[in-house]
Protein backbone atom coordinates (compact mmCIF):
# COMPACT_ATOMS: atom_id res chain seq x y z
CA CYS A 1 126.00 69.05 101.88
CA GLN A 2 124.57 71.46 104.43
CA LYS A 3 122.70 74.38 102.94
CA THR A 4 123.57 77.95 103.91
CA PRO A 5 121.61 81.18 103.47
CA TYR A 6 124.04 82.26 100.76
CA PHE A 7 123.45 78.98 98.94
CA CYS A 8 119.69 79.53 98.95
CA LEU A 9 120.10 83.17 98.00
CA ARG A 10 122.41 82.29 95.13
CA SER A 11 120.00 79.63 93.91
CA LEU A 12 117.14 82.11 94.04
CA ILE A 13 119.03 85.05 92.57
CA GLU A 14 120.76 83.14 89.78
CA LEU A 15 117.64 81.21 88.88
CA GLU A 16 116.83 81.69 85.23
CA PHE A 17 113.27 82.94 85.08
CA SER A 18 112.27 81.43 81.77
CA PRO A 19 108.99 79.61 82.35
CA ARG A 20 105.90 79.74 80.22
CA LEU A 21 104.01 82.73 81.52
CA SER A 22 100.72 80.84 81.54
CA ASP A 23 102.15 77.83 83.37
CA ASN A 24 100.83 78.31 86.92
CA LEU A 25 102.21 74.95 88.00
CA TRP A 26 105.76 76.16 87.32
CA TRP A 27 105.28 79.19 89.56
CA ASP A 28 103.68 77.07 92.29
CA ALA A 29 106.67 74.71 92.20
CA PHE A 30 109.02 77.70 92.36
CA ALA A 31 107.28 79.11 95.44
CA THR A 32 107.15 75.67 97.09
CA GLU A 33 110.90 75.23 96.67
CA PHE A 34 111.96 78.62 98.04
CA PHE A 35 109.14 79.70 100.42
CA GLU A 36 107.63 78.19 103.56
CA ASP A 37 103.95 77.26 103.64
CA ASP A 38 103.19 80.22 105.94
CA ALA A 39 105.62 82.62 104.27
CA THR A 40 104.82 86.29 103.71
CA LEU A 41 106.19 88.74 101.16
CA THR A 42 106.14 92.47 101.95
CA LEU A 43 106.90 95.41 99.66
CA SER A 44 107.27 98.94 101.03
CA PHE A 45 107.71 102.01 98.84
CA CYS A 46 106.47 105.55 98.39
CA LEU A 47 104.35 106.71 95.45
CA GLU A 48 103.06 110.13 94.49
CA ASP A 49 100.04 109.75 96.79
CA GLY A 50 102.01 108.61 99.83
CA PRO A 51 103.78 105.57 101.33
CA LYS A 52 102.54 102.09 100.45
CA ARG A 53 102.99 98.74 102.16
CA TYR A 54 101.66 95.49 100.73
CA THR A 55 101.91 92.10 102.45
CA ILE A 56 100.80 88.92 100.69
CA GLY A 57 100.67 85.34 101.90
CA ARG A 58 102.09 82.13 100.51
CA THR A 59 99.19 81.39 98.15
CA LEU A 60 99.57 84.77 96.40
CA ILE A 61 103.38 84.77 96.09
CA PRO A 62 103.56 82.69 92.87
CA ARG A 63 101.18 85.01 91.10
CA TYR A 64 103.24 88.04 92.20
CA PHE A 65 106.39 86.82 90.44
CA SER A 66 104.31 85.87 87.44
CA THR A 67 102.95 89.42 87.12
CA VAL A 68 106.50 90.78 86.97
CA PHE A 69 107.11 88.98 83.68
CA GLU A 70 103.62 89.54 82.36
CA GLY A 71 104.30 93.28 82.67
CA GLY A 72 107.04 93.15 80.03
CA VAL A 73 110.08 91.96 82.03
CA THR A 74 112.32 89.42 80.29
CA ASP A 75 115.01 89.05 82.97
CA LEU A 76 115.07 89.48 86.75
CA TYR A 77 117.86 89.10 89.29
CA TYR A 78 119.01 90.56 92.62
CA ILE A 79 122.41 91.97 93.56
CA LEU A 80 123.28 91.89 97.27
CA LYS A 81 126.22 93.84 98.72
CA HIS A 82 127.54 93.69 102.29
CA SER A 83 124.69 91.58 103.62
CA LYS A 84 124.70 90.53 107.30
CA GLU A 85 123.59 87.29 108.90
CA SER A 86 122.12 86.73 112.34
CA TYR A 87 121.39 83.29 113.76
CA HIS A 88 118.45 82.55 116.04
CA ASN A 89 117.01 79.41 117.58
CA SER A 90 114.66 78.51 114.75
CA SER A 91 115.57 80.96 111.99
CA ILE A 92 118.38 82.75 110.22
CA THR A 93 118.02 86.39 109.14
CA VAL A 94 119.87 87.93 106.21
CA ASP A 95 119.82 91.75 106.16
CA CYS A 96 121.13 93.56 103.08
CA ASP A 97 120.96 97.35 103.12
CA GLN A 98 122.39 97.62 99.59
CA CYS A 99 120.15 95.38 97.53
CA THR A 100 119.44 96.06 93.85
CA MET A 101 116.64 94.40 91.93
CA VAL A 102 117.54 94.47 88.24
CA THR A 103 114.80 93.97 85.65
CA GLN A 104 115.28 93.94 81.90
CA HIS A 105 112.23 95.16 80.00
CA GLY A 106 111.49 94.21 76.42
CA LYS A 107 108.32 96.28 76.10
CA PRO A 108 107.12 98.91 75.66
CA MET A 109 110.78 99.64 74.95
CA PHE A 110 114.14 98.07 75.70
CA THR A 111 115.00 99.41 79.17
CA LYS A 112 117.05 98.28 82.15
CA VAL A 113 115.58 99.20 85.54
CA CYS A 114 117.66 99.15 88.73
CA THR A 115 115.55 99.27 91.90
CA GLU A 116 117.59 99.91 95.04
CA GLY A 117 116.50 99.27 98.59
CA ARG A 118 116.84 97.11 101.68
CA LEU A 119 116.06 93.41 101.60
CA ILE A 120 115.47 91.41 104.80
CA LEU A 121 115.01 87.66 104.49
CA GLU A 122 114.23 85.22 107.27
CA PHE A 123 115.07 81.55 106.61
CA THR A 124 113.99 78.52 108.58
CA SER A 125 116.84 76.81 110.38
CA ASP A 126 116.38 73.33 108.90
CA ASP A 127 117.54 71.26 105.96
CA LEU A 128 115.23 72.96 103.46
CA MET A 129 116.29 76.50 104.44
CA ARG A 130 113.20 78.05 102.87
CA ILE A 131 112.19 81.71 103.16
CA LYS A 132 109.75 82.54 105.94
CA THR A 133 109.54 86.32 105.50
CA TRP A 134 110.60 88.52 102.58
CA HIS A 135 110.63 92.29 103.12
CA PHE A 136 111.91 94.60 100.39
CA THR A 137 111.89 98.34 101.11
CA ILE A 138 112.40 100.37 97.94
CA ARG A 139 114.28 103.64 98.26
CA GLN A 140 114.96 104.71 94.68
CA TYR A 141 115.15 103.41 91.13
CA ARG A 142 116.81 104.22 87.81
CA GLU A 143 115.68 103.46 84.27
CA LEU A 144 118.52 103.07 81.77
CA VAL A 145 118.00 103.30 78.00
CA PRO A 146 120.89 102.24 75.68
CA ARG A 147 122.59 105.01 73.72
CA SER A 148 122.19 103.02 70.52
CA ILE A 149 118.40 103.31 70.76
CA LEU A 150 118.64 107.05 71.37
CA ALA A 151 120.94 107.49 68.38
CA MET A 152 118.62 105.41 66.22
CA HIS A 153 115.69 107.73 66.89
CA ALA A 154 117.56 111.01 67.21
CA GLN A 155 115.59 112.55 64.35
CA ASP A 156 112.19 111.45 65.59
CA PRO A 157 110.93 113.80 68.33
CA GLN A 158 107.86 111.67 69.06
CA VAL A 159 109.94 108.58 69.81
CA LEU A 160 112.36 110.63 71.90
CA ASP A 161 109.47 112.00 73.91
CA GLN A 162 108.24 108.47 74.51
CA LEU A 163 111.70 107.32 75.54
CA SER A 164 111.91 110.14 78.08
CA LYS A 165 108.86 108.83 79.99
CA ASN A 166 109.18 106.31 82.79
CA ILE A 167 107.82 102.82 82.17
CA THR A 168 107.69 101.88 85.88
CA ARG A 169 106.69 103.43 89.18
CA MET A 170 109.34 102.93 91.85
CA GLY A 171 110.74 100.12 89.70
CA LEU A 172 107.42 98.23 89.54
CA THR A 173 105.24 97.90 86.46
CA ASN A 174 101.59 98.90 86.47
CA PHE A 175 100.73 95.24 86.02
CA THR A 176 102.42 94.36 89.33
CA LEU A 177 101.02 97.40 91.14
CA ASN A 178 97.48 96.53 90.08
CA TYR A 179 97.98 93.00 91.35
CA LEU A 180 99.23 94.27 94.73
CA ARG A 181 96.13 96.45 95.02
CA LEU A 182 93.99 93.44 94.18
CA CYS A 183 95.77 91.44 96.90
CA VAL A 184 94.32 93.83 99.47
CA ILE A 185 90.96 92.22 98.58
CA LEU A 186 92.26 88.72 97.95
CA GLU A 187 94.25 88.28 101.17
CA PRO A 188 91.27 88.45 103.60
CA MET A 189 89.34 86.08 101.31
CA GLN A 190 91.78 83.19 101.63
CA GLU A 191 89.36 81.28 103.87
CA LEU A 192 86.64 81.46 101.22
CA MET A 193 89.02 80.46 98.43
CA SER A 194 90.38 77.55 100.43
CA ARG A 195 86.86 76.31 101.14
CA HIS A 196 85.97 76.64 97.46
CA LYS A 197 89.05 74.68 96.44
CA THR A 198 88.60 71.98 99.10
CA TYR A 199 84.86 71.30 98.92
CA ASN A 200 84.21 72.47 95.34
CA LEU A 201 81.41 74.75 96.47
CA SER A 202 80.11 77.71 94.52
CA PRO A 203 81.32 81.16 95.62
CA ARG A 204 77.90 82.02 97.03
CA ASP A 205 77.68 78.76 99.03
CA CYS A 206 81.20 79.32 100.40
CA LEU A 207 80.23 82.78 101.55
CA LYS A 208 77.02 81.54 103.16
CA THR A 209 78.87 78.79 105.04
CA CYS A 210 81.60 81.11 106.33
CA LEU A 211 79.11 83.77 107.36
CA PHE A 212 76.98 81.25 109.22
CA GLN A 213 79.98 79.86 111.12
CA LYS A 214 81.18 83.35 112.04
CA TRP A 215 77.68 84.27 113.17
CA GLN A 216 77.53 81.16 115.36
CA ARG A 217 80.83 82.08 117.01
CA MET A 218 79.68 85.65 117.62
CA VAL A 219 76.30 84.87 119.20
CA ALA A 220 77.32 81.75 121.13
CA PRO A 221 77.59 82.50 124.87
CA PRO A 222 81.05 82.03 126.36
CA ALA A 223 81.61 78.74 128.10
CA GLU A 224 81.50 79.13 131.86
CA PRO A 225 84.23 77.45 133.89
CA THR A 226 83.10 74.44 135.89
CA ARG A 227 82.83 75.09 139.60
CA GLN A 228 83.42 72.52 142.26
CA PRO A 229 80.43 72.01 144.59
CA THR A 230 80.98 73.55 147.98
CA THR A 231 79.71 71.89 151.13
CA LYS A 232 77.48 74.15 153.19
CA ARG A 233 77.46 73.95 156.95
CA ARG A 234 74.03 73.65 158.46
CA LYS A 235 73.15 76.51 160.81
CA ARG A 236 71.06 76.11 163.91
CA LYS A 237 67.91 78.16 164.02
CA ASN A 238 68.23 80.25 167.14
CA SER A 239 65.36 82.70 166.84
CA THR A 240 62.57 83.84 164.63
CA SER A 241 64.36 87.11 163.80
CA SER A 242 67.38 85.30 162.39
CA THR A 243 65.04 83.18 160.26
CA SER A 244 63.32 86.25 158.87
CA ASN A 245 66.66 87.94 158.17
CA SER A 246 67.98 84.94 156.31
CA SER A 247 64.80 84.66 154.23
CA ALA A 248 65.02 88.35 153.38
CA GLY A 249 68.64 87.93 152.35
CA ASN A 250 67.76 84.95 150.19
CA ASN A 251 65.01 86.93 148.51
CA ALA A 252 67.45 89.78 147.80
CA ASN A 253 70.02 87.37 146.39
CA SER A 254 67.44 85.71 144.17
CA THR A 255 66.25 89.10 142.98
CA GLY A 256 69.83 90.17 142.23
CA SER A 257 70.53 86.92 140.38
CA LYS A 258 67.37 87.41 138.32
CA LYS A 259 68.48 90.93 137.44
CA LYS A 260 71.90 89.67 136.42
CA THR A 261 70.39 86.94 134.30
CA ALA A 262 68.04 89.39 132.65
CA ALA A 263 70.90 91.80 131.96
CA ALA A 264 72.98 89.01 130.50
CA ASN A 265 70.11 87.88 128.28
CA LEU A 266 69.49 91.47 127.22
CA SER A 267 73.12 92.09 126.25
CA LEU A 268 73.30 88.82 124.32
CA SER A 269 70.08 89.42 122.43
CA SER A 270 71.13 92.98 121.60
CA GLN A 271 74.28 91.67 119.96
CA VAL A 272 72.43 89.39 117.55
CA PRO A 273 70.90 92.00 115.20
CA VAL A 274 74.18 93.94 115.09
CA SER A 275 76.05 90.80 114.07
CA LEU A 276 73.47 89.96 111.43
CA ALA A 277 73.64 93.46 109.99
CA PHE A 278 77.41 93.29 109.86
CA LEU A 279 77.43 89.89 108.18
CA LEU A 280 74.76 90.84 105.68
CA GLY A 281 76.71 93.97 104.81
CA LEU A 282 79.83 91.89 104.36
CA LYS A 283 77.90 89.56 102.10
CA SER A 284 76.66 92.38 99.89
CA CYS A 285 80.19 93.74 99.59
CA LEU A 286 81.84 90.45 98.72
CA CYS A 287 79.31 88.87 96.35
CA LEU A 288 80.09 91.29 93.52
CA PRO A 289 83.86 90.67 93.29
CA PHE A 290 83.24 86.93 93.64
CA GLU A 291 80.99 86.91 90.61
CA ARG A 292 83.65 88.74 88.60
CA GLY A 293 86.00 85.79 88.73
CA LEU A 294 88.33 86.24 91.69
CA PHE A 295 88.20 82.49 92.26
CA ALA A 296 89.42 81.91 88.73
CA LEU A 297 92.31 84.32 89.28
CA HIS A 298 93.30 82.58 92.49
CA SER A 299 93.23 79.11 90.93
């Protein structure tokens, strides 16, 4: 039967998240089934230090959902109310202004967290109907503790004080927030990680290869468009003065062309040390996180 956005949403929302937390293959298969190869996932919210916006690519999406459960969540589902559809040539957009992400936490204490916001999903208009863009804007959240737990520890002020503290920030655990901050570093390094995974090179060799290729592209002169040869009409030499004028003009043109060539060579050569300094600085910045195992985290 033909898939619809609601069918895909229902399959995604009602999916029972019960994999082995260490099984990366399960999360990769999950992302492959519901997300396009070039899909992006964006989270927007406001913390104590200001608004935040994180966008991660397809290769980092499986790990994002994995961190949700590694942070103590045992159940996750979405509730959509009054969502709207809009059809385009190659995509279908579902906009839900009243979306609630419900997470059930088993640690550090039994708590139900309801994160409310706006969810915008863009599906591809084909048989697979996979998600191309996911944008969840968080407005507010609530943490609900059962009355039975409060009554059980009514005589213990220390436990009550612990129960009064929030276990999430804007509905997200510290485990997930730390991963999103790490993605700010991981996302620009996808080229290096892909090269490492494809050619089985060491992190340092991958960095050297990418830096050398970028340096080649920066210092290479732009390709000049091919010009068609123009036929010159031969002029008759009328007098000696015209000959002297033409020779003077030719000398001026040759001098101007030499100046232009020298200026071009000067500008090109002046760009080389700047590019090398930039690339060497980039190398010194990236070698340290590589050696700390970012490749292992990505794989």
